[in-house]
C-alpha atoms as a PDB file:
ATOM      1  CA  MET A   1     106.299 -55.658  54.281  1.00  0.00           C
ATOM      2  CA  LYS A   2     102.344 -56.341  53.097  1.00  0.00           C
ATOM      3  CA  LEU A   3     101.562 -58.420  50.638  1.00  0.00           C
ATOM      4  CA  SER A   4      98.718 -57.736  48.000  1.00  0.00           C
ATOM      5  CA  THR A   5      95.913 -59.974  47.236  1.00  0.00           C
ATOM      6  CA  LYS A   6      98.068 -60.897  44.004  1.00  0.00           C
ATOM      7  CA  GLY A   7     100.617 -62.315  46.078  1.00  0.00           C
ATOM      8  CA  ARG A   8      98.347 -64.275  48.567  1.00  0.00           C
ATOM      9  CA  TYR A   9      96.049 -65.723  46.052  1.00  0.00           C
ATOM     10  CA  GLY A  10      98.726 -66.277  43.692  1.00  0.00           C
ATOM     11  CA  LEU A  11     100.547 -68.275  46.166  1.00  0.00           C
ATOM     12  CA  ARG A  12      97.465 -70.169  47.211  1.00  0.00           C
ATOM     13  CA  ALA A  13      96.875 -70.915  43.508  1.00  0.00           C
ATOM     14  CA  LEU A  14     100.103 -72.288  42.760  1.00  0.00           C
ATOM     15  CA  ILE A  15      99.942 -74.641  45.787  1.00  0.00           C
ATOM     16  CA  ASP A  16      96.575 -75.948  44.544  1.00  0.00           C
ATOM     17  CA  LEU A  17      97.978 -76.397  41.164  1.00  0.00           C
ATOM     18  CA  ALA A  18     100.850 -78.213  42.479  1.00  0.00           C
ATOM     19  CA  GLN A  19      98.520 -80.578  44.549  1.00  0.00           C
ATOM     20  CA  TYR A  20      96.143 -81.475  41.741  1.00  0.00           C
ATOM     21  CA  SER A  21      98.477 -81.383  38.533  1.00  0.00           C
ATOM     22  CA  GLY A  22     100.026 -84.642  38.987  1.00  0.00           C
ATOM     23  CA  GLN A  23      97.919 -86.578  36.217  1.00  0.00           C
ATOM     24  CA  ALA A  24      96.538 -83.905  33.988  1.00  0.00           C
ATOM     25  CA  PRO A  25      96.589 -79.994  33.744  1.00  0.00           C
ATOM     26  CA  VAL A  26      94.633 -78.335  36.194  1.00  0.00           C
ATOM     27  CA  SER A  27      91.534 -75.845  34.957  1.00  0.00           C
ATOM     28  CA  ILE A  28      90.970 -72.226  36.332  1.00  0.00           C
ATOM     29  CA  THR A  29      87.540 -73.241  37.128  1.00  0.00           C
ATOM     30  CA  SER A  30      88.518 -76.202  39.642  1.00  0.00           C
ATOM     31  CA  ILE A  31      91.301 -73.715  41.122  1.00  0.00           C
ATOM     32  CA  SER A  32      88.365 -70.983  41.604  1.00  0.00           C
ATOM     33  CA  ALA A  33      86.113 -73.385  43.086  1.00  0.00           C
ATOM     34  CA  ARG A  34      88.731 -74.919  45.527  1.00  0.00           C
ATOM     35  CA  GLN A  35      90.247 -71.836  46.565  1.00  0.00           C
ATOM     36  CA  ASP A  36      87.111 -69.424  46.379  1.00  0.00           C
ATOM     37  CA  ILE A  37      89.026 -66.905  43.829  1.00  0.00           C
ATOM     38  CA  SER A  38      87.256 -65.328  41.032  1.00  0.00           C
ATOM     39  CA  GLU A  39      87.997 -66.841  37.798  1.00  0.00           C
ATOM     40  CA  ARG A  40      88.800 -63.506  36.093  1.00  0.00           C
ATOM     41  CA  TYR A  41      91.593 -62.540  38.804  1.00  0.00           C
ATOM     42  CA  LEU A  42      93.039 -66.119  38.784  1.00  0.00           C
ATOM     43  CA  GLU A  43      93.605 -65.615  34.847  1.00  0.00           C
ATOM     44  CA  GLN A  44      95.440 -62.508  35.554  1.00  0.00           C
ATOM     45  CA  LEU A  45      97.533 -64.020  38.373  1.00  0.00           C
ATOM     46  CA  MET A  46      98.105 -67.161  35.855  1.00  0.00           C
ATOM     47  CA  ALA A  47      99.576 -64.793  33.000  1.00  0.00           C
ATOM     48  CA  LEU A  48     101.805 -63.422  35.321  1.00  0.00           C
ATOM     49  CA  LEU A  49     102.997 -66.852  36.563  1.00  0.00           C
ATOM     50  CA  ARG A  50     103.395 -68.171  33.010  1.00  0.00           C
ATOM     51  CA  LYS A  51     105.265 -64.860  32.131  1.00  0.00           C
ATOM     52  CA  ALA A  52     107.835 -65.740  34.595  1.00  0.00           C
ATOM     53  CA  GLY A  53     108.116 -69.388  33.541  1.00  0.00           C
ATOM     54  CA  LEU A  54     106.666 -70.871  36.541  1.00  0.00           C
ATOM     55  CA  ILE A  55     103.784 -72.572  34.946  1.00  0.00           C
ATOM     56  CA  ARG A  56     102.719 -73.419  31.431  1.00  0.00           C
ATOM     57  CA  SER A  57      99.363 -73.575  29.897  1.00  0.00           C
ATOM     58  CA  VAL A  58      98.194 -76.565  28.182  1.00  0.00           C
ATOM     59  CA  ARG A  59      95.280 -75.740  25.210  1.00  0.00           C
ATOM     60  CA  GLY A  60      92.534 -78.270  24.184  1.00  0.00           C
ATOM     61  CA  ALA A  61      89.954 -80.577  25.839  1.00  0.00           C
ATOM     62  CA  GLY A  62      91.164 -81.265  29.316  1.00  0.00           C
ATOM     63  CA  GLY A  63      93.794 -78.280  28.952  1.00  0.00           C
ATOM     64  CA  GLY A  64      94.623 -76.165  31.774  1.00  0.00           C
ATOM     65  CA  TYR A  65      97.804 -75.217  33.673  1.00  0.00           C
ATOM     66  CA  VAL A  66     100.934 -77.161  34.988  1.00  0.00           C
ATOM     67  CA  LEU A  67     103.877 -76.552  36.447  1.00  0.00           C
ATOM     68  CA  ALA A  68     106.790 -75.466  34.243  1.00  0.00           C
ATOM     69  CA  LYS A  69     109.423 -76.714  36.431  1.00  0.00           C
ATOM     70  CA  ASP A  70     109.547 -79.456  39.457  1.00  0.00           C
ATOM     71  CA  MET A  71     108.085 -78.048  42.440  1.00  0.00           C
ATOM     72  CA  LYS A  72     111.262 -78.679  44.500  1.00  0.00           C
ATOM     73  CA  GLU A  73     112.956 -75.774  42.342  1.00  0.00           C
ATOM     74  CA  ILE A  74     110.109 -73.367  42.828  1.00  0.00           C
ATOM     75  CA  SER A  75     110.592 -70.932  45.665  1.00  0.00           C
ATOM     76  CA  VAL A  76     108.017 -68.722  47.494  1.00  0.00           C
ATOM     77  CA  GLY A  77     110.395 -66.000  46.449  1.00  0.00           C
ATOM     78  CA  ASP A  78     110.116 -66.947  42.913  1.00  0.00           C
ATOM     79  CA  ILE A  79     106.200 -66.744  43.029  1.00  0.00           C
ATOM     80  CA  LEU A  80     105.625 -63.487  45.053  1.00  0.00           C
ATOM     81  CA  ARG A  81     108.516 -61.780  42.945  1.00  0.00           C
ATOM     82  CA  ALA A  82     106.404 -62.848  39.940  1.00  0.00           C
ATOM     83  CA  LEU A  83     103.302 -61.564  41.301  1.00  0.00           C
ATOM     84  CA  GLU A  84     104.278 -58.639  43.383  1.00  0.00           C
ATOM     85  CA  GLY A  85     107.664 -57.313  41.895  1.00  0.00           C
ATOM     86  CA  ASN A  86     110.446 -56.288  44.580  1.00  0.00           C
ATOM     87  CA  LEU A  87     109.770 -57.782  47.942  1.00  0.00           C
ATOM     88  CA  GLU A  88     111.860 -55.116  49.717  1.00  0.00           C
ATOM     89  CA  PRO A  89     109.846 -53.053  52.167  1.00  0.00           C
ATOM     90  CA  VAL A  90     111.957 -50.123  52.117  1.00  0.00           C
ATOM     91  CA  GLU A  91     113.750 -48.876  48.971  1.00  0.00           C
ATOM     92  CA  CYS A  92     116.457 -47.047  50.214  1.00  0.00           C
ATOM     93  CA  PRO A  93     118.643 -45.003  47.805  1.00  0.00           C
ATOM     94  CA  GLY A  94     121.467 -45.285  49.875  1.00  0.00           C
ATOM     95  CA  LEU A  95     121.838 -48.815  49.183  1.00  0.00           C
ATOM     96  CA  ASP A  96     121.887 -48.332  45.192  1.00  0.00           C
ATOM     97  CA  PRO A  97     125.531 -47.533  44.092  1.00  0.00           C
ATOM     98  CA  GLU A  98     123.755 -45.156  41.688  1.00  0.00           C
ATOM     99  CA  GLY A  99     121.371 -43.988  44.048  1.00  0.00           C
ATOM    100  CA  SER A 100     120.386 -40.306  44.456  1.00  0.00           C
ATOM    101  CA  CYS A 101     120.744 -39.972  48.522  1.00  0.00           C
ATOM    102  CA  LYS A 102     122.901 -37.356  49.688  1.00  0.00           C
ATOM    103  CA  ALA A 103     123.365 -38.858  53.075  1.00  0.00           C
ATOM    104  CA  ALA A 104     124.405 -42.518  51.954  1.00  0.00           C
ATOM    105  CA  ASP A 105     128.145 -41.766  52.977  1.00  0.00           C
ATOM    106  CA  SER A 106     127.240 -41.147  56.641  1.00  0.00           C
ATOM    107  CA  CYS A 107     123.893 -43.051  56.872  1.00  0.00           C
ATOM    108  CA  VAL A 108     123.875 -45.968  59.120  1.00  0.00           C
ATOM    109  CA  SER A 109     120.236 -46.708  59.011  1.00  0.00           C
ATOM    110  CA  LYS A 110     120.533 -47.887  55.534  1.00  0.00           C
ATOM    111  CA  TYR A 111     122.178 -50.929  56.994  1.00  0.00           C
ATOM    112  CA  VAL A 112     118.992 -51.980  58.950  1.00  0.00           C
ATOM    113  CA  TRP A 113     117.113 -51.518  55.765  1.00  0.00           C
ATOM    114  CA  LYS A 114     119.589 -53.944  54.040  1.00  0.00           C
ATOM    115  CA  ARG A 115     119.328 -56.253  56.875  1.00  0.00           C
ATOM    116  CA  ILE A 116     115.684 -56.472  56.648  1.00  0.00           C
ATOM    117  CA  ASN A 117     115.634 -56.797  52.801  1.00  0.00           C
ATOM    118  CA  GLU A 118     117.972 -59.504  52.834  1.00  0.00           C
ATOM    119  CA  SER A 119     116.355 -61.066  55.793  1.00  0.00           C
ATOM    120  CA  ILE A 120     112.906 -61.430  53.689  1.00  0.00           C
ATOM    121  CA  ASN A 121     114.515 -62.505  50.466  1.00  0.00           C
ATOM    122  CA  ARG A 122     116.495 -65.255  52.273  1.00  0.00           C
ATOM    123  CA  THR A 123     113.413 -66.392  54.017  1.00  0.00           C
ATOM    124  CA  VAL A 124     111.218 -66.791  50.822  1.00  0.00           C
ATOM    125  CA  ASP A 125     113.839 -67.969  48.720  1.00  0.00           C
ATOM    126  CA  GLU A 126     114.529 -70.971  51.099  1.00  0.00           C
ATOM    127  CA  ILE A 127     110.813 -71.933  51.198  1.00  0.00           C
ATOM    128  CA  MET A 128     110.147 -74.411  48.300  1.00  0.00           C
ATOM    129  CA  LEU A 129     106.731 -75.057  46.592  1.00  0.00           C
ATOM    130  CA  ASP A 130     107.129 -78.976  47.562  1.00  0.00           C
ATOM    131  CA  GLN A 131     107.297 -78.171  51.267  1.00  0.00           C
ATOM    132  CA  LEU A 132     104.250 -76.135  50.960  1.00  0.00           C
ATOM    133  CA  VAL A 133     102.322 -79.034  49.085  1.00  0.00           C
ATOM    134  CA  GLU A 134     103.410 -81.289  51.974  1.00  0.00           C
ATOM    135  CA  GLU A 135     102.436 -79.093  54.566  1.00  0.00           C
ATOM    136  CA  SER A 136      99.176 -79.061  53.007  1.00  0.00           C
ATOM    137  CA  ARG A 137      98.869 -82.841  52.803  1.00  0.00           C
ATOM    138  CA  LYS A 138      99.903 -82.997  56.613  1.00  0.00           C
ATOM    139  CA  LYS A 139      96.917 -80.658  57.096  1.00  0.00           C
ATOM    140  CA  THR A 140      94.331 -82.646  54.993  1.00  0.00           C
ATOM    141  CA  GLY A 141      95.785 -85.612  55.583  1.00  0.00           C
ATOM    142  CA  SER A 142      95.630 -87.089  52.311  1.00  0.00           C
ATOM    143  CA  ILE A 143      97.172 -86.857  48.534  1.00  0.00           C
ATOM    144  CA  GLN A 144      94.912 -84.749  46.331  1.00  0.00           C
ATOM    145  CA  LYS A 145      93.479 -85.651  43.218  1.00  0.00           C
ATOM    146  CA  GLU A 146      91.731 -83.911  40.609  1.00  0.00           C
END
């Protein structure tokens, strides 16, 4: 599985948002500066994350974005699916009960794809945003403030 820049940059942006949104909404401009991601691209990513219910926007002076849920409730899987869609590296019609695979009844390779897909989904669903924020704080040695 290879993630696009949407998944990689969006994950970085959400970690940044989680680190810095404790006191006030975080602006696109500040995330852009810290993460070296263009503001226009971040706006697109934030729209996808907002649509998925992971963040919400705050309008007006001092506005920006905040998490829509506690960071302990947001998994990496939630973030990546909002940005990338399906995370399965192999789309096997034999795994779909209504799939069009003619060899589904006798094919054993579909079990390999099923196990790979399940493993990826389980892994990204077990890693929560608060864990990534904590890891980031360990690396920088401080608690972030905007």
